[in-house]
Amino acid sequence: MQSAPKSLPEMNLGERHAMMNTVSEALFDAAEHASEEGDVRLAENFRAMAAMIEGETGERSSDNLRPLELILTQALTLLQLYMDKATGHRVLH
């Protein structure tokens, strides 16, 4: 059974780390795929985004989560756009 979604402030430190690791791994996987397709710039962007997330894995108090929230939002948006591109949806720039 799945639990209800939580916002970053509602998550405990372990839950935040698990989410950050999941997103970071997805970015590294996408970087590898993009690199195999010859899209070096996109692969570098994925790796840079993953590195930013990994840089935020230090202990962070619940009162200053906005930077992490912005990074995660951008990472998930980038991944979604990449997945839409792979399924044939046109990505506008």
N, C-alpha and C. Protein backbone atom coordinates (compact mmCIF):
# COMPACT_ATOMS: atom_id res chain seq x y z
N MET A 1 0.84 -1.18 0.00
CA MET A 1 0.00 0.00 0.00
C MET A 1 0.88 1.25 0.00
N GLN A 2 0.56 2.18 -0.86
CA GLN A 2 1.33 3.41 -0.96
C GLN A 2 0.79 4.44 0.01
N SER A 3 1.72 5.21 0.56
CA SER A 3 1.30 6.28 1.46
C SER A 3 1.02 7.54 0.64
N ALA A 4 0.36 8.47 1.25
CA ALA A 4 0.05 9.74 0.59
C ALA A 4 1.34 10.51 0.31
N PRO A 5 1.38 11.22 -0.81
CA PRO A 5 2.58 12.01 -1.11
C PRO A 5 2.83 13.05 -0.03
N LYS A 6 4.10 13.35 0.17
CA LYS A 6 4.51 14.36 1.16
C LYS A 6 5.30 15.45 0.48
N SER A 7 5.23 16.64 1.03
CA SER A 7 6.08 17.72 0.57
C SER A 7 7.44 17.58 1.26
N LEU A 8 8.43 18.30 0.78
CA LEU A 8 9.76 18.21 1.41
C LEU A 8 9.74 18.51 2.90
N PRO A 9 9.06 19.57 3.35
CA PRO A 9 9.05 19.83 4.79
C PRO A 9 8.38 18.71 5.61
N GLU A 10 7.45 17.98 5.00
CA GLU A 10 6.77 16.90 5.70
C GLU A 10 7.62 15.63 5.79
N MET A 11 8.63 15.53 4.93
CA MET A 11 9.48 14.34 4.93
C MET A 11 10.52 14.42 6.03
N ASN A 12 10.90 13.25 6.55
CA ASN A 12 12.02 13.23 7.48
C ASN A 12 13.31 13.19 6.65
N LEU A 13 14.43 13.30 7.31
CA LEU A 13 15.71 13.38 6.61
C LEU A 13 15.96 12.14 5.75
N GLY A 14 15.63 10.97 6.27
CA GLY A 14 15.83 9.73 5.51
C GLY A 14 14.99 9.68 4.25
N GLU A 15 13.75 10.15 4.34
CA GLU A 15 12.87 10.18 3.17
C GLU A 15 13.40 11.16 2.12
N ARG A 16 13.89 12.30 2.58
CA ARG A 16 14.47 13.28 1.64
C ARG A 16 15.68 12.70 0.92
N HIS A 17 16.56 12.04 1.69
CA HIS A 17 17.75 11.43 1.08
C HIS A 17 17.37 10.38 0.05
N ALA A 18 16.38 9.55 0.38
CA ALA A 18 15.94 8.50 -0.55
C ALA A 18 15.40 9.11 -1.84
N MET A 19 14.61 10.17 -1.72
CA MET A 19 14.07 10.82 -2.90
C MET A 19 15.19 11.45 -3.73
N MET A 20 16.11 12.12 -3.06
CA MET A 20 17.22 12.75 -3.76
C MET A 20 18.07 11.71 -4.48
N ASN A 21 18.32 10.58 -3.84
CA ASN A 21 19.10 9.51 -4.48
C ASN A 21 18.38 8.96 -5.70
N THR A 22 17.07 8.79 -5.59
CA THR A 22 16.29 8.27 -6.71
C THR A 22 16.35 9.21 -7.91
N VAL A 23 16.17 10.50 -7.66
CA VAL A 23 16.21 11.48 -8.74
C VAL A 23 17.62 11.56 -9.33
N SER A 24 18.62 11.54 -8.48
CA SER A 24 20.00 11.60 -8.95
C SER A 24 20.34 10.39 -9.82
N GLU A 25 19.93 9.20 -9.40
CA GLU A 25 20.17 7.99 -10.20
C GLU A 25 19.45 8.07 -11.54
N ALA A 26 18.24 8.59 -11.55
CA ALA A 26 17.49 8.75 -12.80
C ALA A 26 18.22 9.71 -13.74
N LEU A 27 18.79 10.77 -13.19
CA LEU A 27 19.55 11.72 -14.00
C LEU A 27 20.80 11.08 -14.58
N PHE A 28 21.52 10.30 -13.78
CA PHE A 28 22.71 9.62 -14.28
C PHE A 28 22.34 8.59 -15.36
N ASP A 29 21.24 7.88 -15.18
CA ASP A 29 20.78 6.94 -16.20
C ASP A 29 20.41 7.67 -17.49
N ALA A 30 19.73 8.78 -17.36
CA ALA A 30 19.36 9.57 -18.54
C ALA A 30 20.61 10.13 -19.22
N ALA A 31 21.61 10.51 -18.43
CA ALA A 31 22.86 11.01 -19.00
C ALA A 31 23.54 9.93 -19.83
N GLU A 32 23.54 8.72 -19.32
CA GLU A 32 24.15 7.61 -20.05
C GLU A 32 23.40 7.37 -21.36
N HIS A 33 22.09 7.38 -21.30
CA HIS A 33 21.28 7.17 -22.49
C HIS A 33 21.49 8.28 -23.52
N ALA A 34 21.49 9.52 -23.06
CA ALA A 34 21.70 10.65 -23.96
C ALA A 34 23.09 10.59 -24.59
N SER A 35 24.07 10.18 -23.81
CA SER A 35 25.43 10.06 -24.32
C SER A 35 25.51 8.99 -25.41
N GLU A 36 24.82 7.87 -25.17
CA GLU A 36 24.79 6.79 -26.18
C GLU A 36 24.13 7.25 -27.47
N GLU A 37 23.18 8.18 -27.36
CA GLU A 37 22.51 8.72 -28.54
C GLU A 37 23.30 9.85 -29.19
N GLY A 38 24.43 10.21 -28.60
CA GLY A 38 25.28 11.24 -29.16
C GLY A 38 24.95 12.65 -28.72
N ASP A 39 24.06 12.80 -27.77
CA ASP A 39 23.68 14.13 -27.28
C ASP A 39 24.54 14.47 -26.06
N VAL A 40 25.76 14.88 -26.34
CA VAL A 40 26.76 15.13 -25.30
C VAL A 40 26.34 16.28 -24.38
N ARG A 41 25.81 17.34 -24.95
CA ARG A 41 25.42 18.50 -24.14
C ARG A 41 24.32 18.14 -23.15
N LEU A 42 23.32 17.40 -23.60
CA LEU A 42 22.25 17.00 -22.71
C LEU A 42 22.77 16.07 -21.62
N ALA A 43 23.67 15.16 -22.00
CA ALA A 43 24.27 14.26 -21.01
C ALA A 43 25.01 15.05 -19.94
N GLU A 44 25.73 16.09 -20.34
CA GLU A 44 26.43 16.94 -19.38
C GLU A 44 25.45 17.68 -18.48
N ASN A 45 24.34 18.13 -19.04
CA ASN A 45 23.32 18.81 -18.23
C ASN A 45 22.72 17.87 -17.19
N PHE A 46 22.44 16.64 -17.60
CA PHE A 46 21.92 15.66 -16.65
C PHE A 46 22.93 15.41 -15.52
N ARG A 47 24.20 15.24 -15.88
CA ARG A 47 25.23 14.98 -14.86
C ARG A 47 25.39 16.18 -13.92
N ALA A 48 25.33 17.38 -14.47
CA ALA A 48 25.47 18.58 -13.64
C ALA A 48 24.30 18.70 -12.67
N MET A 49 23.11 18.40 -13.15
CA MET A 49 21.93 18.46 -12.28
C MET A 49 22.05 17.41 -11.17
N ALA A 50 22.50 16.21 -11.52
CA ALA A 50 22.69 15.16 -10.52
C ALA A 50 23.73 15.59 -9.48
N ALA A 51 24.80 16.24 -9.93
CA ALA A 51 25.83 16.70 -9.00
C ALA A 51 25.29 17.77 -8.06
N MET A 52 24.40 18.64 -8.56
CA MET A 52 23.80 19.65 -7.69
C MET A 52 22.95 18.99 -6.61
N ILE A 53 22.21 17.97 -7.00
CA ILE A 53 21.38 17.26 -6.02
C ILE A 53 22.26 16.56 -4.99
N GLU A 54 23.31 15.91 -5.46
CA GLU A 54 24.22 15.24 -4.52
C GLU A 54 24.89 16.22 -3.59
N GLY A 55 25.13 17.45 -4.06
CA GLY A 55 25.71 18.48 -3.22
C GLY A 55 24.77 18.96 -2.13
N GLU A 56 23.49 18.68 -2.30
CA GLU A 56 22.49 19.09 -1.32
C GLU A 56 22.17 17.99 -0.31
N THR A 57 22.89 16.86 -0.36
CA THR A 57 22.55 15.74 0.51
C THR A 57 23.00 15.92 1.95
N GLY A 58 23.76 16.96 2.22
CA GLY A 58 24.15 17.23 3.60
C GLY A 58 22.93 17.52 4.45
N GLU A 59 23.08 17.49 5.72
CA GLU A 59 21.94 17.75 6.60
C GLU A 59 21.39 19.14 6.32
N ARG A 60 20.11 19.18 6.09
CA ARG A 60 19.45 20.45 5.77
C ARG A 60 18.23 20.57 6.68
N SER A 61 18.15 21.69 7.36
CA SER A 61 17.02 21.89 8.27
C SER A 61 15.74 22.10 7.47
N SER A 62 14.63 21.82 8.08
CA SER A 62 13.34 21.92 7.41
C SER A 62 12.93 23.35 7.11
N ASP A 63 13.62 24.32 7.68
CA ASP A 63 13.21 25.71 7.44
C ASP A 63 13.90 26.33 6.22
N ASN A 64 14.80 25.60 5.55
CA ASN A 64 15.48 26.15 4.38
C ASN A 64 15.56 25.11 3.27
N LEU A 65 14.41 24.64 2.82
CA LEU A 65 14.37 23.61 1.79
C LEU A 65 14.10 24.17 0.40
N ARG A 66 13.89 25.48 0.30
CA ARG A 66 13.55 26.07 -1.00
C ARG A 66 14.59 25.80 -2.08
N PRO A 67 15.90 25.94 -1.84
CA PRO A 67 16.87 25.64 -2.90
C PRO A 67 16.77 24.19 -3.38
N LEU A 68 16.63 23.26 -2.46
CA LEU A 68 16.50 21.86 -2.82
C LEU A 68 15.22 21.64 -3.62
N GLU A 69 14.14 22.27 -3.21
CA GLU A 69 12.88 22.14 -3.93
C GLU A 69 13.01 22.63 -5.37
N LEU A 70 13.70 23.74 -5.57
CA LEU A 70 13.90 24.27 -6.92
C LEU A 70 14.74 23.33 -7.77
N ILE A 71 15.81 22.81 -7.21
CA ILE A 71 16.67 21.89 -7.95
C ILE A 71 15.91 20.63 -8.35
N LEU A 72 15.15 20.06 -7.41
CA LEU A 72 14.39 18.86 -7.71
C LEU A 72 13.31 19.12 -8.76
N THR A 73 12.67 20.26 -8.69
CA THR A 73 11.65 20.62 -9.68
C THR A 73 12.27 20.72 -11.06
N GLN A 74 13.41 21.39 -11.16
CA GLN A 74 14.09 21.52 -12.45
C GLN A 74 14.55 20.16 -12.97
N ALA A 75 15.07 19.32 -12.08
CA ALA A 75 15.53 17.99 -12.49
C ALA A 75 14.39 17.15 -13.03
N LEU A 76 13.27 17.15 -12.33
CA LEU A 76 12.13 16.35 -12.77
C LEU A 76 11.54 16.90 -14.06
N THR A 77 11.55 18.21 -14.23
CA THR A 77 11.08 18.81 -15.48
C THR A 77 11.99 18.41 -16.63
N LEU A 78 13.29 18.46 -16.43
CA LEU A 78 14.24 18.06 -17.46
C LEU A 78 14.05 16.59 -17.83
N LEU A 79 13.88 15.73 -16.84
CA LEU A 79 13.65 14.31 -17.12
C LEU A 79 12.35 14.11 -17.88
N GLN A 80 11.30 14.82 -17.49
CA GLN A 80 10.01 14.67 -18.18
C GLN A 80 10.11 15.12 -19.63
N LEU A 81 10.78 16.23 -19.88
CA LEU A 81 10.95 16.70 -21.25
C LEU A 81 11.74 15.69 -22.07
N TYR A 82 12.75 15.09 -21.48
CA TYR A 82 13.55 14.09 -22.18
C TYR A 82 12.71 12.85 -22.48
N MET A 83 11.88 12.44 -21.54
CA MET A 83 11.03 11.27 -21.75
C MET A 83 9.98 11.58 -22.82
N ASP A 84 9.44 12.79 -22.82
CA ASP A 84 8.47 13.17 -23.85
C ASP A 84 9.11 13.16 -25.23
N LYS A 85 10.35 13.60 -25.30
CA LYS A 85 11.08 13.60 -26.57
C LYS A 85 11.25 12.16 -27.07
N ALA A 86 11.57 11.25 -26.16
CA ALA A 86 11.80 9.86 -26.53
C ALA A 86 10.52 9.18 -27.00
N THR A 87 9.36 9.65 -26.53
CA THR A 87 8.09 9.04 -26.93
C THR A 87 7.48 9.75 -28.13
N GLY A 88 8.21 10.70 -28.69
CA GLY A 88 7.76 11.34 -29.91
C GLY A 88 7.03 12.64 -29.73
N HIS A 89 6.86 13.11 -28.50
CA HIS A 89 6.25 14.41 -28.29
C HIS A 89 7.24 15.49 -28.68
N ARG A 90 6.74 16.53 -29.30
CA ARG A 90 7.61 17.62 -29.71
C ARG A 90 7.93 18.51 -28.51
N VAL A 91 9.21 18.74 -28.28
CA VAL A 91 9.65 19.61 -27.20
C VAL A 91 9.94 20.99 -27.76
N LEU A 92 9.27 21.99 -27.22
CA LEU A 92 9.47 23.36 -27.67
C LEU A 92 10.57 24.01 -26.86
N HIS A 93 11.37 24.82 -27.50
CA HIS A 93 12.45 25.52 -26.81
C HIS A 93 12.11 26.97 -26.68
